N, C-alpha and C. Protein backbone atom coordinates (compact mmCIF):
# COMPACT_ATOMS: atom_id res chain seq x y z
N MET A 1 -35.00 117.77 -211.38
CA MET A 1 -34.17 118.96 -211.43
C MET A 1 -34.50 119.82 -212.64
N SER A 2 -34.72 119.19 -213.81
CA SER A 2 -35.02 119.97 -215.02
C SER A 2 -36.33 120.73 -214.89
N GLU A 3 -37.31 120.18 -214.12
CA GLU A 3 -38.57 120.89 -213.92
C GLU A 3 -38.35 122.22 -213.22
N VAL A 4 -37.42 122.25 -212.26
CA VAL A 4 -37.11 123.49 -211.55
C VAL A 4 -36.48 124.49 -212.50
N VAL A 5 -35.55 124.01 -213.34
CA VAL A 5 -34.90 124.89 -214.31
C VAL A 5 -35.93 125.44 -215.28
N GLU A 6 -36.84 124.57 -215.79
CA GLU A 6 -37.86 125.04 -216.72
C GLU A 6 -38.78 126.06 -216.06
N ALA A 7 -39.16 125.83 -214.81
CA ALA A 7 -40.03 126.77 -214.11
C ALA A 7 -39.33 128.10 -213.94
N THR A 8 -38.04 128.07 -213.58
CA THR A 8 -37.29 129.30 -213.42
C THR A 8 -37.20 130.04 -214.74
N THR A 9 -36.94 129.31 -215.82
CA THR A 9 -36.86 129.93 -217.14
C THR A 9 -38.20 130.56 -217.51
N MET A 10 -39.30 129.84 -217.28
CA MET A 10 -40.62 130.39 -217.57
C MET A 10 -40.83 131.66 -216.77
N GLU A 11 -40.48 131.63 -215.49
CA GLU A 11 -40.67 132.81 -214.66
C GLU A 11 -39.81 133.97 -215.16
N GLN A 12 -38.58 133.70 -215.57
CA GLN A 12 -37.72 134.76 -216.10
C GLN A 12 -38.31 135.35 -217.38
N LEU A 13 -38.81 134.49 -218.26
CA LEU A 13 -39.40 134.98 -219.50
C LEU A 13 -40.64 135.82 -219.23
N VAL A 14 -41.51 135.34 -218.35
CA VAL A 14 -42.72 136.09 -218.02
C VAL A 14 -42.36 137.37 -217.27
N ASP A 15 -41.37 137.31 -216.39
CA ASP A 15 -40.92 138.53 -215.70
C ASP A 15 -40.50 139.59 -216.70
N ALA A 16 -39.75 139.19 -217.73
CA ALA A 16 -39.29 140.15 -218.74
C ALA A 16 -40.48 140.79 -219.45
N ILE A 17 -41.50 139.99 -219.74
CA ILE A 17 -42.69 140.52 -220.41
C ILE A 17 -43.47 141.45 -219.49
N VAL A 18 -43.73 141.00 -218.27
CA VAL A 18 -44.51 141.80 -217.31
C VAL A 18 -43.77 143.10 -217.00
N ASP A 19 -42.46 143.02 -216.84
CA ASP A 19 -41.67 144.22 -216.52
C ASP A 19 -41.71 145.25 -217.64
N ARG A 20 -41.85 144.78 -218.90
CA ARG A 20 -41.97 145.70 -220.03
C ARG A 20 -43.18 146.62 -219.87
N TYR A 21 -44.19 146.13 -219.16
CA TYR A 21 -45.42 146.89 -218.96
C TYR A 21 -45.54 147.41 -217.53
N GLY A 22 -44.43 147.45 -216.82
CA GLY A 22 -44.42 148.01 -215.49
C GLY A 22 -45.27 147.25 -214.48
N ALA A 23 -45.51 145.97 -214.74
CA ALA A 23 -46.33 145.11 -213.87
C ALA A 23 -47.69 145.76 -213.59
N ASN A 24 -48.20 146.50 -214.57
CA ASN A 24 -49.46 147.21 -214.44
C ASN A 24 -50.60 146.33 -214.97
N LYS A 25 -51.59 146.04 -214.14
CA LYS A 25 -52.67 145.15 -214.53
C LYS A 25 -53.52 145.71 -215.67
N GLN A 26 -53.43 147.01 -215.92
CA GLN A 26 -54.16 147.59 -217.06
C GLN A 26 -53.64 147.04 -218.39
N PHE A 27 -52.44 146.47 -218.37
CA PHE A 27 -51.83 145.93 -219.58
C PHE A 27 -51.93 144.41 -219.62
N SER A 28 -52.92 143.85 -218.92
CA SER A 28 -53.09 142.40 -218.85
C SER A 28 -53.15 141.76 -220.24
N LEU A 29 -53.95 142.34 -221.12
CA LEU A 29 -54.08 141.75 -222.46
C LEU A 29 -52.76 141.78 -223.22
N ALA A 30 -52.03 142.86 -223.12
CA ALA A 30 -50.73 142.96 -223.80
C ALA A 30 -49.76 141.93 -223.25
N VAL A 31 -49.77 141.73 -221.94
CA VAL A 31 -48.90 140.73 -221.32
C VAL A 31 -49.28 139.34 -221.82
N LEU A 32 -50.57 139.06 -221.89
CA LEU A 32 -51.01 137.76 -222.38
C LEU A 32 -50.66 137.57 -223.86
N GLN A 33 -50.81 138.61 -224.66
CA GLN A 33 -50.45 138.52 -226.08
C GLN A 33 -48.96 138.23 -226.25
N ASP A 34 -48.13 138.95 -225.52
CA ASP A 34 -46.68 138.74 -225.63
C ASP A 34 -46.28 137.36 -225.12
N THR A 35 -46.95 136.90 -224.08
CA THR A 35 -46.66 135.56 -223.57
C THR A 35 -47.05 134.51 -224.60
N GLN A 36 -48.19 134.70 -225.24
CA GLN A 36 -48.60 133.74 -226.27
C GLN A 36 -47.64 133.77 -227.45
N LYS A 37 -47.15 134.95 -227.82
CA LYS A 37 -46.16 135.03 -228.90
C LYS A 37 -44.91 134.24 -228.54
N THR A 38 -44.55 134.27 -227.29
CA THR A 38 -43.34 133.58 -226.83
C THR A 38 -43.49 132.07 -226.90
N TYR A 39 -44.64 131.56 -226.47
CA TYR A 39 -44.83 130.10 -226.38
C TYR A 39 -45.71 129.51 -227.48
N ASN A 40 -46.33 130.34 -228.30
CA ASN A 40 -47.32 129.93 -229.30
C ASN A 40 -48.60 129.40 -228.66
N TYR A 41 -48.74 129.57 -227.37
CA TYR A 41 -49.96 129.30 -226.63
C TYR A 41 -49.75 129.84 -225.22
N LEU A 42 -50.73 129.68 -224.34
CA LEU A 42 -50.61 130.19 -222.98
C LEU A 42 -50.55 129.02 -221.99
N PRO A 43 -49.35 128.65 -221.56
CA PRO A 43 -49.24 127.55 -220.60
C PRO A 43 -49.88 127.91 -219.26
N ARG A 44 -50.50 126.92 -218.62
CA ARG A 44 -51.17 127.12 -217.33
C ARG A 44 -50.23 127.76 -216.31
N GLU A 45 -48.99 127.28 -216.24
CA GLU A 45 -48.03 127.81 -215.27
C GLU A 45 -47.76 129.29 -215.52
N ALA A 46 -47.67 129.67 -216.78
CA ALA A 46 -47.42 131.07 -217.12
C ALA A 46 -48.62 131.93 -216.71
N LEU A 47 -49.84 131.43 -216.93
CA LEU A 47 -51.04 132.19 -216.56
C LEU A 47 -51.10 132.42 -215.05
N GLU A 48 -50.78 131.38 -214.31
CA GLU A 48 -50.80 131.52 -212.85
C GLU A 48 -49.74 132.52 -212.38
N TYR A 49 -48.58 132.48 -213.02
CA TYR A 49 -47.51 133.41 -212.63
C TYR A 49 -47.87 134.84 -213.04
N ILE A 50 -48.51 135.01 -214.19
CA ILE A 50 -48.96 136.34 -214.63
C ILE A 50 -49.95 136.91 -213.62
N ALA A 51 -50.90 136.08 -213.18
CA ALA A 51 -51.88 136.53 -212.18
C ALA A 51 -51.17 137.02 -210.92
N LYS A 52 -50.19 136.26 -210.49
CA LYS A 52 -49.43 136.64 -209.29
C LYS A 52 -48.69 137.96 -209.52
N ARG A 53 -47.99 138.08 -210.64
CA ARG A 53 -47.20 139.28 -210.91
C ARG A 53 -48.06 140.52 -211.10
N LEU A 54 -49.23 140.36 -211.71
CA LEU A 54 -50.11 141.52 -211.96
C LEU A 54 -51.08 141.77 -210.81
N ASP A 55 -51.02 140.92 -209.80
CA ASP A 55 -51.87 141.03 -208.63
C ASP A 55 -53.35 141.03 -209.01
N ILE A 56 -53.71 140.05 -209.85
CA ILE A 56 -55.11 139.83 -210.20
C ILE A 56 -55.41 138.34 -209.97
N SER A 57 -56.67 138.01 -209.86
CA SER A 57 -57.03 136.62 -209.59
C SER A 57 -56.77 135.74 -210.82
N ARG A 58 -56.53 134.47 -210.55
CA ARG A 58 -56.38 133.52 -211.65
C ARG A 58 -57.67 133.47 -212.46
N GLY A 59 -58.80 133.60 -211.79
CA GLY A 59 -60.08 133.61 -212.48
C GLY A 59 -60.19 134.74 -213.49
N GLU A 60 -59.69 135.91 -213.12
CA GLU A 60 -59.71 137.05 -214.04
C GLU A 60 -58.83 136.78 -215.26
N VAL A 61 -57.67 136.19 -215.03
CA VAL A 61 -56.77 135.86 -216.15
C VAL A 61 -57.46 134.85 -217.07
N TYR A 62 -58.04 133.80 -216.51
CA TYR A 62 -58.71 132.79 -217.32
C TYR A 62 -59.95 133.35 -218.01
N ARG A 63 -60.63 134.30 -217.38
CA ARG A 63 -61.77 134.95 -218.03
C ARG A 63 -61.33 135.66 -219.30
N LEU A 64 -60.21 136.39 -219.22
CA LEU A 64 -59.68 137.09 -220.40
C LEU A 64 -59.27 136.11 -221.48
N VAL A 65 -58.56 135.07 -221.08
CA VAL A 65 -58.03 134.10 -222.04
C VAL A 65 -59.14 133.34 -222.74
N THR A 66 -60.19 132.99 -222.01
CA THR A 66 -61.26 132.21 -222.64
C THR A 66 -62.27 133.09 -223.38
N PHE A 67 -62.31 134.38 -223.08
CA PHE A 67 -63.22 135.29 -223.78
C PHE A 67 -62.71 135.61 -225.19
N PHE A 68 -61.43 135.87 -225.32
CA PHE A 68 -60.87 136.29 -226.60
C PHE A 68 -60.40 135.08 -227.41
N ALA A 69 -60.97 134.93 -228.60
CA ALA A 69 -60.65 133.78 -229.46
C ALA A 69 -59.19 133.77 -229.91
N ALA A 70 -58.51 134.89 -229.83
CA ALA A 70 -57.11 134.95 -230.27
C ALA A 70 -56.17 134.19 -229.33
N PHE A 71 -56.63 133.90 -228.12
CA PHE A 71 -55.78 133.19 -227.16
C PHE A 71 -56.00 131.69 -227.26
N SER A 72 -54.94 130.94 -227.01
CA SER A 72 -55.02 129.48 -227.05
C SER A 72 -54.42 128.88 -225.79
N LEU A 73 -55.13 127.93 -225.23
CA LEU A 73 -54.63 127.18 -224.08
C LEU A 73 -53.96 125.88 -224.52
N GLN A 74 -53.99 125.61 -225.83
CA GLN A 74 -53.36 124.41 -226.38
C GLN A 74 -52.12 124.81 -227.17
N PRO A 75 -51.06 124.00 -227.09
CA PRO A 75 -49.84 124.31 -227.85
C PRO A 75 -50.12 124.41 -229.34
N LYS A 76 -49.48 125.39 -229.96
CA LYS A 76 -49.59 125.58 -231.41
C LYS A 76 -48.26 125.20 -232.04
N GLY A 77 -48.29 124.97 -233.34
CA GLY A 77 -47.08 124.60 -234.06
C GLY A 77 -46.15 125.79 -234.27
N ASP A 78 -44.93 125.47 -234.70
CA ASP A 78 -43.98 126.53 -235.04
C ASP A 78 -44.53 127.39 -236.17
N TYR A 79 -45.26 126.74 -237.07
CA TYR A 79 -45.91 127.44 -238.18
C TYR A 79 -47.42 127.33 -237.99
N ILE A 80 -48.06 128.47 -237.80
CA ILE A 80 -49.52 128.50 -237.65
C ILE A 80 -50.08 128.97 -239.00
N ILE A 81 -50.75 128.06 -239.67
CA ILE A 81 -51.30 128.34 -240.99
C ILE A 81 -52.79 128.64 -240.85
N LYS A 82 -53.16 129.86 -241.18
CA LYS A 82 -54.56 130.27 -241.13
C LYS A 82 -55.07 130.32 -242.57
N VAL A 83 -56.10 129.54 -242.83
CA VAL A 83 -56.70 129.48 -244.16
C VAL A 83 -57.95 130.35 -244.14
N CYS A 84 -57.98 131.35 -245.01
CA CYS A 84 -59.12 132.25 -245.07
C CYS A 84 -60.29 131.55 -245.75
N LEU A 85 -61.44 131.62 -245.09
CA LEU A 85 -62.68 131.07 -245.66
C LEU A 85 -63.74 132.15 -245.78
N GLY A 86 -63.29 133.42 -245.82
CA GLY A 86 -64.22 134.53 -246.05
C GLY A 86 -64.82 134.41 -247.44
N THR A 87 -65.77 135.24 -247.78
CA THR A 87 -66.52 135.11 -249.03
C THR A 87 -65.62 135.03 -250.26
N ALA A 88 -64.71 136.00 -250.44
CA ALA A 88 -63.86 136.00 -251.63
C ALA A 88 -62.97 134.75 -251.68
N CYS A 89 -62.39 134.38 -250.56
CA CYS A 89 -61.52 133.21 -250.53
C CYS A 89 -62.32 131.93 -250.69
N HIS A 90 -63.51 131.90 -250.12
CA HIS A 90 -64.37 130.71 -250.25
C HIS A 90 -64.70 130.46 -251.71
N VAL A 91 -65.12 131.51 -252.40
CA VAL A 91 -65.49 131.40 -253.81
C VAL A 91 -64.29 131.00 -254.66
N GLN A 92 -63.10 131.46 -254.28
CA GLN A 92 -61.89 131.20 -255.07
C GLN A 92 -61.19 129.89 -254.69
N GLY A 93 -61.73 129.13 -253.75
CA GLY A 93 -61.17 127.81 -253.46
C GLY A 93 -60.59 127.61 -252.08
N GLY A 94 -60.86 128.50 -251.14
CA GLY A 94 -60.35 128.37 -249.78
C GLY A 94 -60.63 127.01 -249.15
N PRO A 95 -61.88 126.49 -249.25
CA PRO A 95 -62.16 125.18 -248.66
C PRO A 95 -61.32 124.05 -249.26
N ARG A 96 -61.04 124.12 -250.57
CA ARG A 96 -60.20 123.09 -251.20
C ARG A 96 -58.77 123.16 -250.68
N ILE A 97 -58.28 124.38 -250.43
CA ILE A 97 -56.94 124.54 -249.86
C ILE A 97 -56.89 123.95 -248.46
N LEU A 98 -57.91 124.23 -247.66
CA LEU A 98 -57.98 123.68 -246.32
C LEU A 98 -57.99 122.15 -246.36
N ASP A 99 -58.79 121.59 -247.25
CA ASP A 99 -58.83 120.13 -247.39
C ASP A 99 -57.46 119.58 -247.75
N GLN A 100 -56.76 120.24 -248.67
CA GLN A 100 -55.44 119.78 -249.09
C GLN A 100 -54.45 119.82 -247.93
N LEU A 101 -54.46 120.90 -247.16
CA LEU A 101 -53.55 121.00 -246.01
C LEU A 101 -53.86 119.94 -244.97
N GLU A 102 -55.14 119.69 -244.74
CA GLU A 102 -55.53 118.66 -243.77
C GLU A 102 -55.02 117.29 -244.22
N ARG A 103 -55.10 117.01 -245.53
CA ARG A 103 -54.58 115.74 -246.06
C ARG A 103 -53.05 115.69 -245.95
N ASP A 104 -52.39 116.78 -246.38
CA ASP A 104 -50.92 116.81 -246.37
C ASP A 104 -50.35 116.64 -244.96
N LEU A 105 -50.98 117.28 -243.99
CA LEU A 105 -50.45 117.28 -242.62
C LEU A 105 -51.10 116.23 -241.72
N ASN A 106 -52.12 115.56 -242.25
CA ASN A 106 -52.82 114.52 -241.50
C ASN A 106 -53.41 115.05 -240.19
N ILE A 107 -53.96 116.26 -240.25
CA ILE A 107 -54.65 116.87 -239.11
C ILE A 107 -55.89 117.59 -239.63
N LYS A 108 -56.76 117.96 -238.73
CA LYS A 108 -57.94 118.75 -239.06
C LYS A 108 -57.72 120.19 -238.61
N ALA A 109 -58.51 121.11 -239.14
CA ALA A 109 -58.44 122.51 -238.72
C ALA A 109 -58.61 122.58 -237.21
N GLY A 110 -57.77 123.38 -236.57
CA GLY A 110 -57.80 123.50 -235.12
C GLY A 110 -56.82 122.57 -234.42
N GLN A 111 -56.10 121.75 -235.20
CA GLN A 111 -55.16 120.79 -234.61
C GLN A 111 -53.72 121.16 -234.96
N THR A 112 -52.81 120.49 -234.26
CA THR A 112 -51.36 120.66 -234.46
C THR A 112 -50.75 119.31 -234.77
N THR A 113 -49.78 119.29 -235.67
CA THR A 113 -49.12 118.03 -236.01
C THR A 113 -48.41 117.46 -234.78
N ALA A 114 -48.23 116.16 -234.78
CA ALA A 114 -47.66 115.45 -233.62
C ALA A 114 -46.29 116.00 -233.23
N GLU A 115 -45.46 116.35 -234.21
CA GLU A 115 -44.12 116.86 -233.91
C GLU A 115 -44.12 118.34 -233.56
N GLY A 116 -45.28 118.99 -233.64
CA GLY A 116 -45.40 120.39 -233.24
C GLY A 116 -44.90 121.40 -234.24
N LYS A 117 -44.79 121.00 -235.50
CA LYS A 117 -44.31 121.95 -236.52
C LYS A 117 -45.42 122.83 -237.09
N PHE A 118 -46.60 122.23 -237.32
CA PHE A 118 -47.67 122.95 -238.00
C PHE A 118 -48.99 122.89 -237.23
N SER A 119 -49.69 124.02 -237.25
CA SER A 119 -51.07 124.10 -236.80
C SER A 119 -51.86 124.67 -237.96
N VAL A 120 -53.07 124.19 -238.15
CA VAL A 120 -53.94 124.70 -239.22
C VAL A 120 -55.20 125.23 -238.57
N GLU A 121 -55.59 126.43 -239.01
CA GLU A 121 -56.80 127.06 -238.50
C GLU A 121 -57.62 127.59 -239.67
N ALA A 122 -58.92 127.44 -239.59
CA ALA A 122 -59.83 128.04 -240.56
C ALA A 122 -60.30 129.36 -239.96
N VAL A 123 -60.16 130.45 -240.72
CA VAL A 123 -60.58 131.77 -240.23
C VAL A 123 -61.57 132.38 -241.22
N ARG A 124 -62.35 133.32 -240.74
CA ARG A 124 -63.41 133.90 -241.56
C ARG A 124 -62.92 134.96 -242.54
N CYS A 125 -61.97 135.78 -242.19
CA CYS A 125 -61.47 136.79 -243.13
C CYS A 125 -60.12 137.30 -242.67
N LEU A 126 -59.20 137.39 -243.60
CA LEU A 126 -57.87 137.93 -243.29
C LEU A 126 -57.71 139.34 -243.84
N GLY A 127 -58.75 139.85 -244.49
CA GLY A 127 -58.70 141.24 -244.98
C GLY A 127 -57.81 141.43 -246.19
N ALA A 128 -57.60 140.39 -246.96
CA ALA A 128 -56.77 140.49 -248.17
C ALA A 128 -57.55 139.92 -249.35
N CYS A 129 -58.76 140.35 -249.50
CA CYS A 129 -59.68 139.79 -250.49
C CYS A 129 -59.16 139.91 -251.92
N ALA A 130 -58.42 140.95 -252.22
CA ALA A 130 -57.89 141.14 -253.58
C ALA A 130 -56.87 140.05 -253.93
N LEU A 131 -56.32 139.39 -252.92
CA LEU A 131 -55.33 138.33 -253.15
C LEU A 131 -55.93 136.93 -253.04
N ALA A 132 -57.25 136.85 -252.94
CA ALA A 132 -57.93 135.57 -252.68
C ALA A 132 -57.55 134.50 -253.70
N PRO A 133 -57.48 133.27 -253.19
CA PRO A 133 -57.55 132.82 -251.80
C PRO A 133 -56.20 132.99 -251.09
N VAL A 134 -56.25 133.27 -249.79
CA VAL A 134 -55.03 133.57 -249.04
C VAL A 134 -54.84 132.65 -247.84
N LEU A 135 -53.57 132.52 -247.47
CA LEU A 135 -53.14 131.85 -246.25
C LEU A 135 -52.30 132.84 -245.47
N LEU A 136 -52.34 132.72 -244.18
CA LEU A 136 -51.45 133.48 -243.32
C LEU A 136 -50.60 132.45 -242.59
N VAL A 137 -49.29 132.52 -242.79
CA VAL A 137 -48.38 131.61 -242.09
C VAL A 137 -47.62 132.47 -241.09
N ASN A 138 -47.94 132.26 -239.82
CA ASN A 138 -47.46 133.13 -238.74
C ASN A 138 -47.88 134.55 -239.09
N GLU A 139 -46.98 135.40 -239.53
CA GLU A 139 -47.38 136.76 -239.87
C GLU A 139 -47.20 137.09 -241.35
N ASP A 140 -46.92 136.07 -242.16
CA ASP A 140 -46.68 136.27 -243.59
C ASP A 140 -47.89 135.85 -244.41
N ILE A 141 -48.40 136.79 -245.24
CA ILE A 141 -49.56 136.51 -246.08
C ILE A 141 -49.09 135.88 -247.39
N HIS A 142 -49.83 134.90 -247.85
CA HIS A 142 -49.54 134.22 -249.12
C HIS A 142 -50.83 134.27 -249.93
N GLY A 143 -50.81 135.01 -251.05
CA GLY A 143 -52.00 135.20 -251.85
C GLY A 143 -52.07 134.36 -253.08
N GLN A 144 -53.28 134.30 -253.66
CA GLN A 144 -53.57 133.57 -254.89
C GLN A 144 -53.08 132.13 -254.80
N MET A 145 -53.43 131.50 -253.69
CA MET A 145 -52.99 130.14 -253.41
C MET A 145 -53.92 129.11 -254.07
N SER A 146 -53.41 127.91 -254.17
CA SER A 146 -54.19 126.75 -254.62
C SER A 146 -53.80 125.60 -253.71
N GLY A 147 -54.47 124.48 -253.85
CA GLY A 147 -54.10 123.31 -253.06
C GLY A 147 -52.66 122.91 -253.32
N ALA A 148 -52.25 122.94 -254.59
CA ALA A 148 -50.88 122.55 -254.97
C ALA A 148 -49.85 123.53 -254.41
N SER A 149 -50.14 124.83 -254.50
CA SER A 149 -49.17 125.81 -253.99
C SER A 149 -49.11 125.77 -252.46
N ALA A 150 -50.22 125.44 -251.81
CA ALA A 150 -50.21 125.29 -250.36
C ALA A 150 -49.36 124.08 -249.96
N SER A 151 -49.47 122.99 -250.71
CA SER A 151 -48.64 121.80 -250.45
C SER A 151 -47.16 122.12 -250.62
N LYS A 152 -46.83 122.86 -251.67
CA LYS A 152 -45.42 123.25 -251.90
C LYS A 152 -44.91 124.15 -250.78
N LEU A 153 -45.76 125.04 -250.30
CA LEU A 153 -45.38 125.93 -249.20
C LEU A 153 -45.07 125.11 -247.94
N VAL A 154 -45.92 124.15 -247.62
CA VAL A 154 -45.69 123.31 -246.45
C VAL A 154 -44.39 122.52 -246.60
N GLU A 155 -44.15 122.02 -247.79
CA GLU A 155 -42.90 121.28 -248.06
C GLU A 155 -41.69 122.19 -247.87
N LYS A 156 -41.77 123.41 -248.37
CA LYS A 156 -40.68 124.38 -248.22
C LYS A 156 -40.45 124.70 -246.74
N LEU A 157 -41.52 124.95 -246.00
CA LEU A 157 -41.39 125.27 -244.58
C LEU A 157 -40.82 124.09 -243.80
N SER A 158 -41.20 122.88 -244.18
CA SER A 158 -40.66 121.69 -243.52
C SER A 158 -39.16 121.60 -243.71
N LYS A 159 -38.70 121.87 -244.91
CA LYS A 159 -37.26 121.83 -245.20
C LYS A 159 -36.52 122.93 -244.44
N GLU A 160 -37.10 124.14 -244.42
CA GLU A 160 -36.47 125.25 -243.70
C GLU A 160 -36.35 124.96 -242.22
N SER A 161 -37.40 124.40 -241.63
CA SER A 161 -37.37 124.14 -240.20
C SER A 161 -36.40 123.01 -239.87
N ALA A 162 -36.16 122.11 -240.82
CA ALA A 162 -35.19 121.04 -240.60
C ALA A 162 -33.77 121.58 -240.60
N LEU A 163 -33.56 122.69 -241.31
CA LEU A 163 -32.22 123.28 -241.39
C LEU A 163 -31.88 124.15 -240.19
N SER A 164 -32.90 124.76 -239.58
CA SER A 164 -32.64 125.64 -238.44
C SER A 164 -33.50 125.22 -237.27
N PRO A 165 -33.00 125.39 -236.05
CA PRO A 165 -33.80 124.99 -234.90
C PRO A 165 -35.07 125.83 -234.82
N ALA A 166 -36.16 125.17 -234.48
CA ALA A 166 -37.45 125.86 -234.39
C ALA A 166 -37.53 126.61 -233.08
N LEU A 167 -37.36 127.92 -233.16
CA LEU A 167 -37.46 128.76 -231.97
C LEU A 167 -38.28 129.97 -232.35
N SER A 168 -39.34 130.18 -231.65
CA SER A 168 -40.21 131.30 -231.92
C SER A 168 -39.39 132.59 -231.89
N PRO A 169 -39.56 133.49 -232.90
CA PRO A 169 -38.84 134.76 -232.88
C PRO A 169 -39.11 135.55 -231.61
N ALA A 170 -40.33 135.50 -231.11
CA ALA A 170 -40.65 136.21 -229.87
C ALA A 170 -39.90 135.61 -228.70
N LEU A 171 -39.77 134.27 -228.68
CA LEU A 171 -39.03 133.62 -227.60
C LEU A 171 -37.56 134.03 -227.65
N SER A 172 -36.99 134.09 -228.85
CA SER A 172 -35.60 134.53 -228.99
C SER A 172 -35.42 135.93 -228.43
N GLU A 173 -36.37 136.81 -228.74
CA GLU A 173 -36.31 138.19 -228.27
C GLU A 173 -36.35 138.27 -226.75
N VAL A 174 -37.30 137.55 -226.16
CA VAL A 174 -37.44 137.58 -224.70
C VAL A 174 -36.24 136.91 -224.04
N GLU A 175 -35.76 135.79 -224.59
CA GLU A 175 -34.58 135.14 -224.02
C GLU A 175 -33.38 136.08 -224.06
N GLY A 176 -33.27 136.88 -225.13
CA GLY A 176 -32.19 137.86 -225.21
C GLY A 176 -32.29 138.87 -224.10
N GLU A 177 -33.51 139.30 -223.78
CA GLU A 177 -33.70 140.26 -222.67
C GLU A 177 -33.30 139.62 -221.35
N VAL A 178 -33.69 138.37 -221.15
CA VAL A 178 -33.38 137.68 -219.89
C VAL A 178 -31.87 137.51 -219.77
N GLU A 179 -31.20 137.07 -220.86
CA GLU A 179 -29.75 136.90 -220.82
C GLU A 179 -29.07 138.23 -220.54
N GLY A 180 -29.57 139.31 -221.14
CA GLY A 180 -29.00 140.63 -220.90
C GLY A 180 -29.10 141.03 -219.44
N GLU A 181 -30.23 140.67 -218.80
CA GLU A 181 -30.41 140.98 -217.39
C GLU A 181 -29.42 140.20 -216.54
N VAL A 182 -29.22 138.93 -216.90
CA VAL A 182 -28.31 138.10 -216.12
C VAL A 182 -26.88 138.58 -216.29
N GLU A 183 -26.50 138.88 -217.55
CA GLU A 183 -25.13 139.32 -217.82
C GLU A 183 -24.87 140.70 -217.23
N GLY A 184 -25.85 141.59 -217.34
CA GLY A 184 -25.64 142.96 -216.90
C GLY A 184 -26.44 143.29 -215.66
N ASP A 185 -26.47 142.38 -214.69
CA ASP A 185 -27.32 142.59 -213.52
C ASP A 185 -26.66 143.47 -212.47
N GLY A 186 -25.44 143.90 -212.74
CA GLY A 186 -24.77 144.81 -211.80
C GLY A 186 -24.01 144.10 -210.72
N ALA A 187 -24.07 142.78 -210.67
CA ALA A 187 -23.35 142.04 -209.63
C ALA A 187 -21.85 142.23 -209.82
N GLY A 188 -21.18 142.59 -208.81
CA GLY A 188 -19.73 142.75 -208.86
C GLY A 188 -19.27 144.08 -209.43
N GLU A 189 -20.20 144.95 -209.82
CA GLU A 189 -19.82 146.25 -210.36
C GLU A 189 -19.77 147.25 -209.22
N GLU A 190 -18.83 148.15 -209.30
CA GLU A 190 -18.71 149.16 -208.26
C GLU A 190 -19.60 150.34 -208.60
N GLU A 191 -20.16 150.98 -207.56
CA GLU A 191 -20.96 152.17 -207.77
C GLU A 191 -20.04 153.36 -207.94
N GLU A 192 -20.52 154.31 -208.75
CA GLU A 192 -19.71 155.52 -208.93
C GLU A 192 -20.18 156.63 -208.07
């Protein structure tokens, strides 16, 4: 029974995203980006439903998803930590920061912790060279980092996530839209 509820919820969330773009296949990438923001990755079921809603083949959807490195078919953590390894960050200690995070979280770059809190990624440049070395945690840049400051940041984020339920901000936004549709769907209202 819960699988049916989850499928319905996924469909409602994807419907809200697709409807934002008028179910227009020209906005396929935007739909995929918003869906990934919602789930922190692109679930197979969501991709198949997107193909159906946009009236494009599943192959076309998978072609887009596998072509662009920004998309992930694997679940990501609540906190996605991107460690810059571009020239300025590399020279200033980016690889040492990555090593420290891998030790602290007991994962390698490209992996997610078992409980799904953290993902670590090595990236080539975050465009913040003046702040080198830098980390990007979700959408927040952290400059002039060291292995020790990266460890403290992970510890702080762990404590924060323990205090509040881990729910993607994008998921909260989309769920709010879905709830609004259910609450204000016009059922039982008289026409004027």
